[in-house]
Amino acid sequence: MITPAFIAIWFAWLMAGGSPGPATMGIAGTAMTEGRRAGLVFALGICAGSAAWGIAAALGLSAIMLANVWVFEVIRYFGVAYLGWLALKALRRAVTAGEVPLGKPVTGSMRTILAKGAAIHLTNPKAILSWGSIYAIVAPNDASLWVLLGYFSLLYAGSLLIFIGYAFLFSSARMVSAYRRARRWFDFAFAGFFGVASYKILTVRLS
């Protein structure tokens, strides 16, 4: 299961999860203004929503694969297109002059913040498509439910690392300052990485 190709895809998954978006920027904004605890609670809510979609995608793909092997390939191409879109988005941010907002903070009780974090992923249909496409990329065409759930555990560990890491990093004023100074170079790196990953996934089929 854990091959050099999977390790490369796992790092691509980390990069995609860590790239600026509603989830990561919401965690950053909340940790900066409401504190580390609120940022962590919001991150855990996002992780809960992500887990729900990840397991749902594994269950759904396992059933679909019994009758329609070609669906895996269709979803894989969605993943390629998604990575390409992330590359263009990162490049656009990199060439944008001025400061890019880090994200709107989420306020309220800890329970409310947790629920809002979960809602970000649960109300986003792109989340289940992202999970489905990553399964189609890393898993063989005859993948069983247990194989897909095994990949889920490995990929989900990466999501936890990114989202909880954001809550810790952006609750530090020093880290926020460092990120703002290097923001453009991060975006150029994201654009290049996503572009190369999209091309590699398009031209190489994992077995």
N, C-alpha and C. Protein backbone atom coordinates (compact mmCIF):
# COMPACT_ATOMS: atom_id res chain seq x y z
N MET A 1 0.83 -1.21 0.00
CA MET A 1 0.00 0.00 0.00
C MET A 1 0.87 1.26 0.00
N ILE A 2 1.90 1.30 0.86
CA ILE A 2 2.74 2.49 0.96
C ILE A 2 3.92 2.32 0.01
N THR A 3 3.81 2.89 -1.16
CA THR A 3 4.84 2.84 -2.19
C THR A 3 5.44 4.23 -2.34
N PRO A 4 6.59 4.36 -3.04
CA PRO A 4 7.13 5.70 -3.30
C PRO A 4 6.13 6.60 -4.02
N ALA A 5 5.34 6.02 -4.93
CA ALA A 5 4.33 6.81 -5.63
C ALA A 5 3.27 7.32 -4.66
N PHE A 6 2.85 6.46 -3.70
CA PHE A 6 1.85 6.90 -2.74
C PHE A 6 2.41 7.99 -1.84
N ILE A 7 3.67 7.87 -1.44
CA ILE A 7 4.28 8.90 -0.60
C ILE A 7 4.27 10.25 -1.31
N ALA A 8 4.55 10.24 -2.62
CA ALA A 8 4.52 11.48 -3.41
C ALA A 8 3.11 12.05 -3.43
N ILE A 9 2.10 11.17 -3.63
CA ILE A 9 0.72 11.63 -3.64
C ILE A 9 0.30 12.14 -2.27
N TRP A 10 0.81 11.49 -1.20
CA TRP A 10 0.48 11.92 0.15
C TRP A 10 0.98 13.34 0.40
N PHE A 11 2.19 13.64 -0.07
CA PHE A 11 2.70 15.01 0.07
C PHE A 11 1.89 15.99 -0.77
N ALA A 12 1.42 15.53 -1.94
CA ALA A 12 0.55 16.39 -2.76
C ALA A 12 -0.76 16.67 -2.02
N TRP A 13 -1.27 15.67 -1.32
CA TRP A 13 -2.48 15.83 -0.51
C TRP A 13 -2.24 16.84 0.60
N LEU A 14 -1.07 16.78 1.23
CA LEU A 14 -0.73 17.76 2.27
C LEU A 14 -0.67 19.17 1.68
N MET A 15 -0.04 19.30 0.52
CA MET A 15 0.07 20.61 -0.11
C MET A 15 -1.30 21.17 -0.47
N ALA A 16 -2.16 20.29 -1.00
CA ALA A 16 -3.51 20.74 -1.37
C ALA A 16 -4.29 21.16 -0.13
N GLY A 17 -4.16 20.38 0.95
CA GLY A 17 -4.85 20.74 2.18
C GLY A 17 -4.31 22.01 2.82
N GLY A 18 -3.01 22.24 2.67
CA GLY A 18 -2.39 23.41 3.28
C GLY A 18 -2.46 24.67 2.44
N SER A 19 -2.86 24.55 1.17
CA SER A 19 -2.95 25.74 0.32
C SER A 19 -4.10 26.63 0.79
N PRO A 20 -4.00 27.94 0.59
CA PRO A 20 -5.04 28.86 1.06
C PRO A 20 -6.41 28.51 0.50
N GLY A 21 -7.40 28.44 1.35
CA GLY A 21 -8.76 28.13 0.99
C GLY A 21 -9.68 28.46 2.16
N PRO A 22 -11.00 28.25 2.02
CA PRO A 22 -11.92 28.60 3.11
C PRO A 22 -11.57 27.94 4.44
N ALA A 23 -11.15 26.67 4.40
CA ALA A 23 -10.85 25.96 5.65
C ALA A 23 -9.57 26.49 6.30
N THR A 24 -8.47 26.49 5.55
CA THR A 24 -7.19 26.89 6.13
C THR A 24 -7.18 28.37 6.52
N MET A 25 -7.75 29.22 5.68
CA MET A 25 -7.77 30.64 6.01
C MET A 25 -8.72 30.95 7.15
N GLY A 26 -9.81 30.15 7.26
CA GLY A 26 -10.70 30.32 8.41
C GLY A 26 -10.01 29.95 9.70
N ILE A 27 -9.22 28.86 9.66
CA ILE A 27 -8.45 28.47 10.85
C ILE A 27 -7.44 29.56 11.20
N ALA A 28 -6.74 30.06 10.19
CA ALA A 28 -5.73 31.09 10.42
C ALA A 28 -6.35 32.34 11.03
N GLY A 29 -7.45 32.81 10.43
CA GLY A 29 -8.10 34.02 10.94
C GLY A 29 -8.63 33.84 12.35
N THR A 30 -9.19 32.68 12.63
CA THR A 30 -9.73 32.41 13.97
C THR A 30 -8.62 32.31 15.00
N ALA A 31 -7.54 31.60 14.67
CA ALA A 31 -6.42 31.46 15.61
C ALA A 31 -5.77 32.81 15.89
N MET A 32 -5.66 33.65 14.87
CA MET A 32 -5.02 34.96 15.03
C MET A 32 -5.82 35.88 15.95
N THR A 33 -7.14 35.89 15.78
CA THR A 33 -7.95 36.87 16.50
C THR A 33 -8.63 36.32 17.75
N GLU A 34 -8.99 35.04 17.74
CA GLU A 34 -9.72 34.46 18.87
C GLU A 34 -8.84 33.60 19.76
N GLY A 35 -7.62 33.31 19.31
CA GLY A 35 -6.71 32.54 20.14
C GLY A 35 -6.55 31.10 19.68
N ARG A 36 -5.54 30.44 20.26
CA ARG A 36 -5.21 29.08 19.84
C ARG A 36 -6.33 28.09 20.11
N ARG A 37 -6.99 28.22 21.25
CA ARG A 37 -8.05 27.26 21.58
C ARG A 37 -9.18 27.31 20.55
N ALA A 38 -9.61 28.51 20.22
CA ALA A 38 -10.68 28.64 19.22
C ALA A 38 -10.23 28.12 17.87
N GLY A 39 -8.98 28.39 17.51
CA GLY A 39 -8.45 27.89 16.25
C GLY A 39 -8.43 26.38 16.21
N LEU A 40 -8.03 25.76 17.33
CA LEU A 40 -7.99 24.30 17.40
C LEU A 40 -9.39 23.70 17.31
N VAL A 41 -10.34 24.29 18.00
CA VAL A 41 -11.72 23.79 17.97
C VAL A 41 -12.29 23.90 16.56
N PHE A 42 -12.04 25.02 15.89
CA PHE A 42 -12.50 25.20 14.52
C PHE A 42 -11.86 24.17 13.60
N ALA A 43 -10.56 23.93 13.79
CA ALA A 43 -9.84 22.94 12.99
C ALA A 43 -10.42 21.54 13.21
N LEU A 44 -10.75 21.20 14.46
CA LEU A 44 -11.32 19.89 14.75
C LEU A 44 -12.69 19.73 14.10
N GLY A 45 -13.46 20.82 14.04
CA GLY A 45 -14.75 20.77 13.35
C GLY A 45 -14.56 20.48 11.87
N ILE A 46 -13.58 21.14 11.26
CA ILE A 46 -13.28 20.89 9.84
C ILE A 46 -12.84 19.45 9.63
N CYS A 47 -12.02 18.95 10.54
CA CYS A 47 -11.56 17.56 10.44
C CYS A 47 -12.73 16.58 10.56
N ALA A 48 -13.70 16.90 11.40
CA ALA A 48 -14.87 16.03 11.55
C ALA A 48 -15.67 15.99 10.25
N GLY A 49 -15.87 17.15 9.63
CA GLY A 49 -16.58 17.19 8.35
C GLY A 49 -15.82 16.45 7.27
N SER A 50 -14.51 16.61 7.27
CA SER A 50 -13.67 15.92 6.28
C SER A 50 -13.75 14.41 6.46
N ALA A 51 -13.74 13.95 7.71
CA ALA A 51 -13.84 12.51 7.97
C ALA A 51 -15.15 11.95 7.45
N ALA A 52 -16.24 12.69 7.65
CA ALA A 52 -17.54 12.22 7.19
C ALA A 52 -17.55 12.02 5.67
N TRP A 53 -17.02 12.99 4.94
CA TRP A 53 -16.97 12.87 3.48
C TRP A 53 -15.97 11.80 3.05
N GLY A 54 -14.85 11.69 3.75
CA GLY A 54 -13.85 10.69 3.38
C GLY A 54 -14.37 9.27 3.50
N ILE A 55 -15.08 9.00 4.59
CA ILE A 55 -15.65 7.66 4.78
C ILE A 55 -16.79 7.43 3.80
N ALA A 56 -17.62 8.46 3.58
CA ALA A 56 -18.72 8.33 2.63
C ALA A 56 -18.20 8.04 1.22
N ALA A 57 -17.12 8.71 0.84
CA ALA A 57 -16.54 8.47 -0.48
C ALA A 57 -16.00 7.06 -0.59
N ALA A 58 -15.35 6.56 0.47
CA ALA A 58 -14.82 5.20 0.45
C ALA A 58 -15.95 4.18 0.32
N LEU A 59 -17.04 4.36 1.08
CA LEU A 59 -18.17 3.44 1.00
C LEU A 59 -18.83 3.48 -0.37
N GLY A 60 -19.01 4.70 -0.88
CA GLY A 60 -19.66 4.84 -2.19
C GLY A 60 -18.84 4.28 -3.33
N LEU A 61 -17.54 4.57 -3.33
CA LEU A 61 -16.68 4.08 -4.41
C LEU A 61 -16.55 2.57 -4.36
N SER A 62 -16.51 2.00 -3.16
CA SER A 62 -16.40 0.56 -3.05
C SER A 62 -17.60 -0.12 -3.70
N ALA A 63 -18.79 0.44 -3.49
CA ALA A 63 -19.99 -0.13 -4.09
C ALA A 63 -20.02 0.08 -5.60
N ILE A 64 -19.65 1.27 -6.05
CA ILE A 64 -19.67 1.58 -7.48
C ILE A 64 -18.68 0.73 -8.24
N MET A 65 -17.52 0.48 -7.63
CA MET A 65 -16.48 -0.27 -8.31
C MET A 65 -16.91 -1.69 -8.66
N LEU A 66 -17.86 -2.24 -7.92
CA LEU A 66 -18.32 -3.59 -8.20
C LEU A 66 -18.99 -3.68 -9.58
N ALA A 67 -19.56 -2.57 -10.04
CA ALA A 67 -20.28 -2.59 -11.31
C ALA A 67 -19.66 -1.71 -12.38
N ASN A 68 -18.95 -0.68 -12.00
CA ASN A 68 -18.46 0.30 -12.97
C ASN A 68 -17.02 0.69 -12.68
N VAL A 69 -16.09 -0.09 -13.21
CA VAL A 69 -14.67 0.19 -12.99
C VAL A 69 -14.26 1.53 -13.61
N TRP A 70 -14.90 1.92 -14.72
CA TRP A 70 -14.53 3.14 -15.43
C TRP A 70 -14.77 4.40 -14.60
N VAL A 71 -15.65 4.30 -13.56
CA VAL A 71 -15.92 5.48 -12.73
C VAL A 71 -14.65 5.96 -12.04
N PHE A 72 -13.77 5.03 -11.66
CA PHE A 72 -12.52 5.41 -11.02
C PHE A 72 -11.71 6.34 -11.91
N GLU A 73 -11.67 6.02 -13.21
CA GLU A 73 -10.90 6.85 -14.14
C GLU A 73 -11.52 8.23 -14.30
N VAL A 74 -12.84 8.31 -14.35
CA VAL A 74 -13.53 9.61 -14.47
C VAL A 74 -13.21 10.48 -13.27
N ILE A 75 -13.27 9.89 -12.08
CA ILE A 75 -12.99 10.65 -10.86
C ILE A 75 -11.53 11.05 -10.80
N ARG A 76 -10.66 10.18 -11.31
CA ARG A 76 -9.23 10.51 -11.33
C ARG A 76 -8.98 11.76 -12.17
N TYR A 77 -9.66 11.87 -13.31
CA TYR A 77 -9.49 13.05 -14.15
C TYR A 77 -10.03 14.31 -13.48
N PHE A 78 -11.05 14.15 -12.66
CA PHE A 78 -11.51 15.29 -11.87
C PHE A 78 -10.39 15.76 -10.94
N GLY A 79 -9.69 14.81 -10.32
CA GLY A 79 -8.58 15.16 -9.44
C GLY A 79 -7.49 15.91 -10.17
N VAL A 80 -7.19 15.48 -11.41
CA VAL A 80 -6.19 16.17 -12.22
C VAL A 80 -6.62 17.61 -12.49
N ALA A 81 -7.90 17.77 -12.86
CA ALA A 81 -8.42 19.11 -13.14
C ALA A 81 -8.39 19.98 -11.89
N TYR A 82 -8.70 19.38 -10.75
CA TYR A 82 -8.71 20.14 -9.50
C TYR A 82 -7.31 20.63 -9.14
N LEU A 83 -6.30 19.78 -9.30
CA LEU A 83 -4.93 20.20 -9.03
C LEU A 83 -4.50 21.31 -9.98
N GLY A 84 -4.92 21.20 -11.25
CA GLY A 84 -4.61 22.26 -12.20
C GLY A 84 -5.24 23.58 -11.81
N TRP A 85 -6.48 23.51 -11.32
CA TRP A 85 -7.17 24.72 -10.87
C TRP A 85 -6.46 25.33 -9.66
N LEU A 86 -6.00 24.48 -8.73
CA LEU A 86 -5.26 24.97 -7.59
C LEU A 86 -3.96 25.65 -8.01
N ALA A 87 -3.30 25.10 -9.05
CA ALA A 87 -2.07 25.71 -9.56
C ALA A 87 -2.33 27.11 -10.09
N LEU A 88 -3.39 27.25 -10.87
CA LEU A 88 -3.73 28.57 -11.43
C LEU A 88 -4.13 29.55 -10.32
N LYS A 89 -4.86 29.06 -9.34
CA LYS A 89 -5.28 29.91 -8.23
C LYS A 89 -4.09 30.41 -7.43
N ALA A 90 -3.13 29.51 -7.16
CA ALA A 90 -1.93 29.90 -6.42
C ALA A 90 -1.10 30.89 -7.22
N LEU A 91 -0.99 30.66 -8.54
CA LEU A 91 -0.23 31.58 -9.38
C LEU A 91 -0.87 32.96 -9.40
N ARG A 92 -2.18 33.00 -9.44
CA ARG A 92 -2.88 34.29 -9.42
C ARG A 92 -2.61 35.05 -8.12
N ARG A 93 -2.64 34.32 -6.99
CA ARG A 93 -2.32 34.97 -5.71
C ARG A 93 -0.90 35.47 -5.68
N ALA A 94 0.01 34.69 -6.28
CA ALA A 94 1.43 35.04 -6.24
C ALA A 94 1.71 36.35 -6.98
N VAL A 95 0.99 36.59 -8.06
CA VAL A 95 1.25 37.80 -8.87
C VAL A 95 0.36 38.96 -8.44
N THR A 96 -0.51 38.74 -7.45
CA THR A 96 -1.38 39.81 -6.96
C THR A 96 -0.58 40.75 -6.08
N ALA A 97 -0.64 42.03 -6.39
CA ALA A 97 0.08 43.02 -5.58
C ALA A 97 -0.67 43.27 -4.28
N GLY A 98 0.07 43.65 -3.26
CA GLY A 98 -0.53 43.98 -1.98
C GLY A 98 -0.73 42.75 -1.11
N GLU A 99 -1.36 42.97 0.03
CA GLU A 99 -1.54 41.92 1.02
C GLU A 99 -2.83 41.16 0.77
N VAL A 100 -2.78 39.84 0.86
CA VAL A 100 -3.96 39.00 0.70
C VAL A 100 -4.52 38.69 2.08
N PRO A 101 -5.82 38.95 2.33
CA PRO A 101 -6.39 38.68 3.65
C PRO A 101 -6.20 37.23 4.05
N LEU A 102 -5.90 37.00 5.33
CA LEU A 102 -5.67 35.64 5.80
C LEU A 102 -6.95 34.89 6.10
N GLY A 103 -8.05 35.54 6.26
CA GLY A 103 -9.30 34.83 6.49
C GLY A 103 -10.13 35.50 7.57
N LYS A 104 -11.43 35.33 7.44
CA LYS A 104 -12.36 35.92 8.40
C LYS A 104 -12.45 35.04 9.63
N PRO A 105 -12.28 35.61 10.82
CA PRO A 105 -12.34 34.79 12.04
C PRO A 105 -13.75 34.29 12.31
N VAL A 106 -13.85 33.14 12.95
CA VAL A 106 -15.13 32.56 13.36
C VAL A 106 -15.27 32.80 14.86
N THR A 107 -16.40 33.32 15.27
CA THR A 107 -16.60 33.67 16.67
C THR A 107 -17.78 32.89 17.25
N GLY A 108 -17.95 33.00 18.56
CA GLY A 108 -19.04 32.33 19.25
C GLY A 108 -18.50 31.40 20.32
N SER A 109 -19.41 30.58 20.87
CA SER A 109 -18.99 29.60 21.87
C SER A 109 -18.15 28.53 21.19
N MET A 110 -17.44 27.72 22.00
CA MET A 110 -16.62 26.65 21.44
C MET A 110 -17.48 25.66 20.66
N ARG A 111 -18.69 25.40 21.15
CA ARG A 111 -19.60 24.48 20.43
C ARG A 111 -20.00 25.07 19.09
N THR A 112 -20.27 26.37 19.07
CA THR A 112 -20.64 27.03 17.82
C THR A 112 -19.49 27.02 16.83
N ILE A 113 -18.30 27.30 17.31
CA ILE A 113 -17.12 27.31 16.44
C ILE A 113 -16.88 25.91 15.87
N LEU A 114 -17.05 24.87 16.70
CA LEU A 114 -16.89 23.49 16.24
C LEU A 114 -17.91 23.18 15.14
N ALA A 115 -19.15 23.57 15.35
CA ALA A 115 -20.20 23.30 14.37
C ALA A 115 -19.95 24.03 13.07
N LYS A 116 -19.48 25.27 13.15
CA LYS A 116 -19.19 26.03 11.95
C LYS A 116 -18.04 25.40 11.16
N GLY A 117 -17.05 24.87 11.88
CA GLY A 117 -15.95 24.19 11.20
C GLY A 117 -16.43 22.96 10.45
N ALA A 118 -17.27 22.15 11.10
CA ALA A 118 -17.80 20.96 10.44
C ALA A 118 -18.66 21.34 9.23
N ALA A 119 -19.42 22.43 9.37
CA ALA A 119 -20.32 22.84 8.28
C ALA A 119 -19.56 23.24 7.02
N ILE A 120 -18.33 23.77 7.18
CA ILE A 120 -17.55 24.16 6.01
C ILE A 120 -17.35 22.99 5.06
N HIS A 121 -17.05 21.80 5.61
CA HIS A 121 -16.84 20.63 4.75
C HIS A 121 -18.14 19.91 4.43
N LEU A 122 -19.06 19.83 5.38
CA LEU A 122 -20.29 19.09 5.16
C LEU A 122 -21.18 19.75 4.11
N THR A 123 -21.08 21.07 3.94
CA THR A 123 -21.90 21.76 2.96
C THR A 123 -21.16 22.03 1.66
N ASN A 124 -19.97 21.46 1.53
CA ASN A 124 -19.16 21.69 0.34
C ASN A 124 -19.07 20.39 -0.48
N PRO A 125 -19.82 20.28 -1.59
CA PRO A 125 -19.78 19.04 -2.38
C PRO A 125 -18.41 18.76 -2.97
N LYS A 126 -17.56 19.79 -3.07
CA LYS A 126 -16.21 19.58 -3.60
C LYS A 126 -15.39 18.68 -2.68
N ALA A 127 -15.77 18.63 -1.40
CA ALA A 127 -15.01 17.81 -0.44
C ALA A 127 -15.10 16.33 -0.78
N ILE A 128 -16.33 15.85 -1.06
CA ILE A 128 -16.46 14.42 -1.36
C ILE A 128 -15.83 14.09 -2.71
N LEU A 129 -15.89 15.04 -3.66
CA LEU A 129 -15.24 14.81 -4.95
C LEU A 129 -13.72 14.76 -4.79
N SER A 130 -13.19 15.58 -3.90
CA SER A 130 -11.75 15.56 -3.64
C SER A 130 -11.33 14.23 -3.05
N TRP A 131 -12.11 13.74 -2.07
CA TRP A 131 -11.80 12.44 -1.49
C TRP A 131 -11.91 11.33 -2.54
N GLY A 132 -12.98 11.39 -3.34
CA GLY A 132 -13.16 10.37 -4.36
C GLY A 132 -12.03 10.35 -5.37
N SER A 133 -11.57 11.54 -5.76
CA SER A 133 -10.50 11.61 -6.76
C SER A 133 -9.17 11.11 -6.20
N ILE A 134 -8.90 11.40 -4.92
CA ILE A 134 -7.62 10.93 -4.36
C ILE A 134 -7.63 9.42 -4.21
N TYR A 135 -8.78 8.83 -3.89
CA TYR A 135 -8.88 7.37 -3.85
C TYR A 135 -8.62 6.80 -5.24
N ALA A 136 -9.21 7.42 -6.25
CA ALA A 136 -9.05 6.92 -7.62
C ALA A 136 -7.61 7.04 -8.09
N ILE A 137 -6.88 8.01 -7.54
CA ILE A 137 -5.48 8.20 -7.93
C ILE A 137 -4.58 7.17 -7.26
N VAL A 138 -4.79 6.93 -5.96
CA VAL A 138 -3.84 6.10 -5.22
C VAL A 138 -4.19 4.62 -5.21
N ALA A 139 -5.46 4.30 -5.41
CA ALA A 139 -5.88 2.90 -5.26
C ALA A 139 -5.93 2.17 -6.60
N PRO A 140 -5.71 0.85 -6.59
CA PRO A 140 -5.86 0.06 -7.81
C PRO A 140 -7.32 -0.02 -8.22
N ASN A 141 -7.56 -0.39 -9.49
CA ASN A 141 -8.93 -0.43 -10.00
C ASN A 141 -9.83 -1.42 -9.28
N ASP A 142 -9.24 -2.45 -8.67
CA ASP A 142 -10.03 -3.47 -7.98
C ASP A 142 -9.99 -3.28 -6.46
N ALA A 143 -9.81 -2.05 -6.03
CA ALA A 143 -9.68 -1.77 -4.60
C ALA A 143 -10.93 -2.18 -3.84
N SER A 144 -10.73 -2.87 -2.72
CA SER A 144 -11.84 -3.26 -1.85
C SER A 144 -12.13 -2.12 -0.87
N LEU A 145 -13.23 -2.26 -0.14
CA LEU A 145 -13.59 -1.26 0.87
C LEU A 145 -12.48 -1.12 1.91
N TRP A 146 -11.89 -2.23 2.34
CA TRP A 146 -10.87 -2.17 3.38
C TRP A 146 -9.60 -1.49 2.88
N VAL A 147 -9.29 -1.66 1.59
CA VAL A 147 -8.14 -0.95 1.02
C VAL A 147 -8.40 0.55 1.02
N LEU A 148 -9.61 0.94 0.59
CA LEU A 148 -9.95 2.36 0.57
C LEU A 148 -9.95 2.96 1.97
N LEU A 149 -10.45 2.21 2.95
CA LEU A 149 -10.44 2.72 4.33
C LEU A 149 -9.01 2.81 4.88
N GLY A 150 -8.14 1.91 4.41
CA GLY A 150 -6.73 2.01 4.79
C GLY A 150 -6.11 3.28 4.26
N TYR A 151 -6.41 3.60 2.99
CA TYR A 151 -5.92 4.85 2.43
C TYR A 151 -6.53 6.06 3.15
N PHE A 152 -7.80 5.93 3.53
CA PHE A 152 -8.45 7.01 4.27
C PHE A 152 -7.67 7.34 5.55
N SER A 153 -7.29 6.31 6.30
CA SER A 153 -6.59 6.55 7.57
C SER A 153 -5.27 7.26 7.35
N LEU A 154 -4.55 6.90 6.30
CA LEU A 154 -3.26 7.53 6.02
C LEU A 154 -3.44 8.98 5.54
N LEU A 155 -4.40 9.19 4.65
CA LEU A 155 -4.65 10.54 4.13
C LEU A 155 -5.24 11.44 5.21
N TYR A 156 -6.12 10.87 6.03
CA TYR A 156 -6.75 11.67 7.08
C TYR A 156 -5.73 12.12 8.12
N ALA A 157 -4.73 11.28 8.37
CA ALA A 157 -3.66 11.69 9.28
C ALA A 157 -2.97 12.93 8.76
N GLY A 158 -2.79 13.01 7.43
CA GLY A 158 -2.20 14.20 6.83
C GLY A 158 -3.09 15.42 7.00
N SER A 159 -4.41 15.24 6.85
CA SER A 159 -5.33 16.35 7.04
C SER A 159 -5.29 16.88 8.46
N LEU A 160 -5.25 15.96 9.44
CA LEU A 160 -5.14 16.38 10.83
C LEU A 160 -3.87 17.19 11.06
N LEU A 161 -2.78 16.72 10.48
CA LEU A 161 -1.49 17.41 10.63
C LEU A 161 -1.57 18.84 10.10
N ILE A 162 -2.18 19.01 8.94
CA ILE A 162 -2.27 20.34 8.32
C ILE A 162 -3.20 21.25 9.09
N PHE A 163 -4.43 20.82 9.34
CA PHE A 163 -5.42 21.71 9.94
C PHE A 163 -5.07 22.07 11.39
N ILE A 164 -4.64 21.09 12.17
CA ILE A 164 -4.25 21.39 13.54
C ILE A 164 -2.96 22.20 13.56
N GLY A 165 -2.06 21.91 12.63
CA GLY A 165 -0.84 22.69 12.52
C GLY A 165 -1.11 24.15 12.24
N TYR A 166 -2.09 24.42 11.38
CA TYR A 166 -2.46 25.82 11.09
C TYR A 166 -2.92 26.53 12.36
N ALA A 167 -3.70 25.84 13.18
CA ALA A 167 -4.20 26.47 14.41
C ALA A 167 -3.05 26.85 15.34
N PHE A 168 -2.04 25.99 15.43
CA PHE A 168 -0.89 26.30 16.28
C PHE A 168 -0.04 27.41 15.67
N LEU A 169 0.25 27.31 14.37
CA LEU A 169 1.15 28.27 13.75
C LEU A 169 0.58 29.68 13.74
N PHE A 170 -0.70 29.80 13.38
CA PHE A 170 -1.26 31.14 13.22
C PHE A 170 -1.77 31.74 14.53
N SER A 171 -1.59 31.04 15.62
CA SER A 171 -1.83 31.66 16.93
C SER A 171 -0.57 32.32 17.44
N SER A 172 0.51 32.26 16.65
CA SER A 172 1.78 32.90 16.99
C SER A 172 1.98 34.13 16.11
N ALA A 173 2.12 35.29 16.72
CA ALA A 173 2.30 36.53 15.97
C ALA A 173 3.58 36.47 15.13
N ARG A 174 4.61 35.82 15.64
CA ARG A 174 5.86 35.72 14.90
C ARG A 174 5.68 34.91 13.61
N MET A 175 4.93 33.81 13.69
CA MET A 175 4.71 32.98 12.52
C MET A 175 3.84 33.70 11.49
N VAL A 176 2.85 34.45 11.96
CA VAL A 176 1.99 35.21 11.05
C VAL A 176 2.82 36.23 10.28
N SER A 177 3.71 36.92 11.00
CA SER A 177 4.58 37.91 10.37
C SER A 177 5.49 37.27 9.33
N ALA A 178 6.05 36.10 9.67
CA ALA A 178 6.92 35.40 8.74
C ALA A 178 6.16 34.95 7.50
N TYR A 179 4.93 34.48 7.69
CA TYR A 179 4.12 34.04 6.55
C TYR A 179 3.79 35.21 5.63
N ARG A 180 3.44 36.34 6.21
CA ARG A 180 3.10 37.50 5.38
C ARG A 180 4.29 37.92 4.52
N ARG A 181 5.51 37.86 5.09
CA ARG A 181 6.69 38.26 4.32
C ARG A 181 6.99 37.29 3.18
N ALA A 182 6.74 36.00 3.43
CA ALA A 182 7.08 34.99 2.43
C ALA A 182 5.88 34.51 1.63
N ARG A 183 4.73 35.14 1.79
CA ARG A 183 3.49 34.66 1.19
C ARG A 183 3.60 34.44 -0.31
N ARG A 184 4.18 35.40 -1.02
CA ARG A 184 4.26 35.29 -2.48
C ARG A 184 5.10 34.09 -2.91
N TRP A 185 6.20 33.83 -2.20
CA TRP A 185 7.06 32.71 -2.57
C TRP A 185 6.38 31.38 -2.26
N PHE A 186 5.59 31.33 -1.19
CA PHE A 186 4.80 30.14 -0.91
C PHE A 186 3.82 29.86 -2.06
N ASP A 187 3.17 30.93 -2.53
CA ASP A 187 2.19 30.75 -3.60
C ASP A 187 2.85 30.30 -4.90
N PHE A 188 4.03 30.83 -5.22
CA PHE A 188 4.75 30.35 -6.41
C PHE A 188 5.09 28.87 -6.26
N ALA A 189 5.51 28.48 -5.05
CA ALA A 189 5.85 27.07 -4.81
C ALA A 189 4.62 26.18 -4.94
N PHE A 190 3.48 26.64 -4.38
CA PHE A 190 2.24 25.89 -4.52
C PHE A 190 1.86 25.73 -5.99
N ALA A 191 1.95 26.82 -6.76
CA ALA A 191 1.58 26.77 -8.17
C ALA A 191 2.43 25.76 -8.93
N GLY A 192 3.75 25.79 -8.70
CA GLY A 192 4.63 24.85 -9.38
C GLY A 192 4.37 23.42 -8.97
N PHE A 193 4.16 23.19 -7.68
CA PHE A 193 3.94 21.83 -7.19
C PHE A 193 2.65 21.26 -7.74
N PHE A 194 1.57 22.04 -7.69
CA PHE A 194 0.28 21.54 -8.18
C PHE A 194 0.32 21.29 -9.68
N GLY A 195 1.01 22.15 -10.42
CA GLY A 195 1.12 21.96 -11.86
C GLY A 195 1.83 20.66 -12.20
N VAL A 196 2.96 20.41 -11.55
CA VAL A 196 3.72 19.18 -11.80
C VAL A 196 2.93 17.95 -11.35
N ALA A 197 2.28 18.03 -10.18
CA ALA A 197 1.50 16.90 -9.68
C ALA A 197 0.35 16.57 -10.61
N SER A 198 -0.32 17.60 -11.13
CA SER A 198 -1.42 17.37 -12.07
C SER A 198 -0.93 16.65 -13.32
N TYR A 199 0.20 17.08 -13.85
CA TYR A 199 0.75 16.44 -15.06
C TYR A 199 1.16 14.99 -14.78
N LYS A 200 1.82 14.75 -13.66
CA LYS A 200 2.28 13.40 -13.34
C LYS A 200 1.11 12.45 -13.17
N ILE A 201 0.07 12.90 -12.47
CA ILE A 201 -1.08 12.06 -12.25
C ILE A 201 -1.82 11.77 -13.56
N LEU A 202 -1.83 12.76 -14.44
CA LEU A 202 -2.48 12.57 -15.74
C LEU A 202 -1.76 11.55 -16.61
N THR A 203 -0.44 11.50 -16.51
CA THR A 203 0.35 10.66 -17.41
C THR A 203 0.80 9.34 -16.82
N VAL A 204 0.61 9.15 -15.51
CA VAL A 204 1.05 7.91 -14.87
C VAL A 204 -0.12 7.30 -14.13
N ARG A 205 -0.37 6.03 -14.38
CA ARG A 205 -1.43 5.32 -13.67
C ARG A 205 -0.83 4.41 -12.62
N LEU A 206 -1.24 4.63 -11.38
CA LEU A 206 -0.74 3.78 -10.29
C LEU A 206 -1.41 2.42 -10.36
N SER A 207 -0.64 1.38 -10.07
CA SER A 207 -1.21 0.04 -10.07
C SER A 207 -1.28 -0.53 -8.67
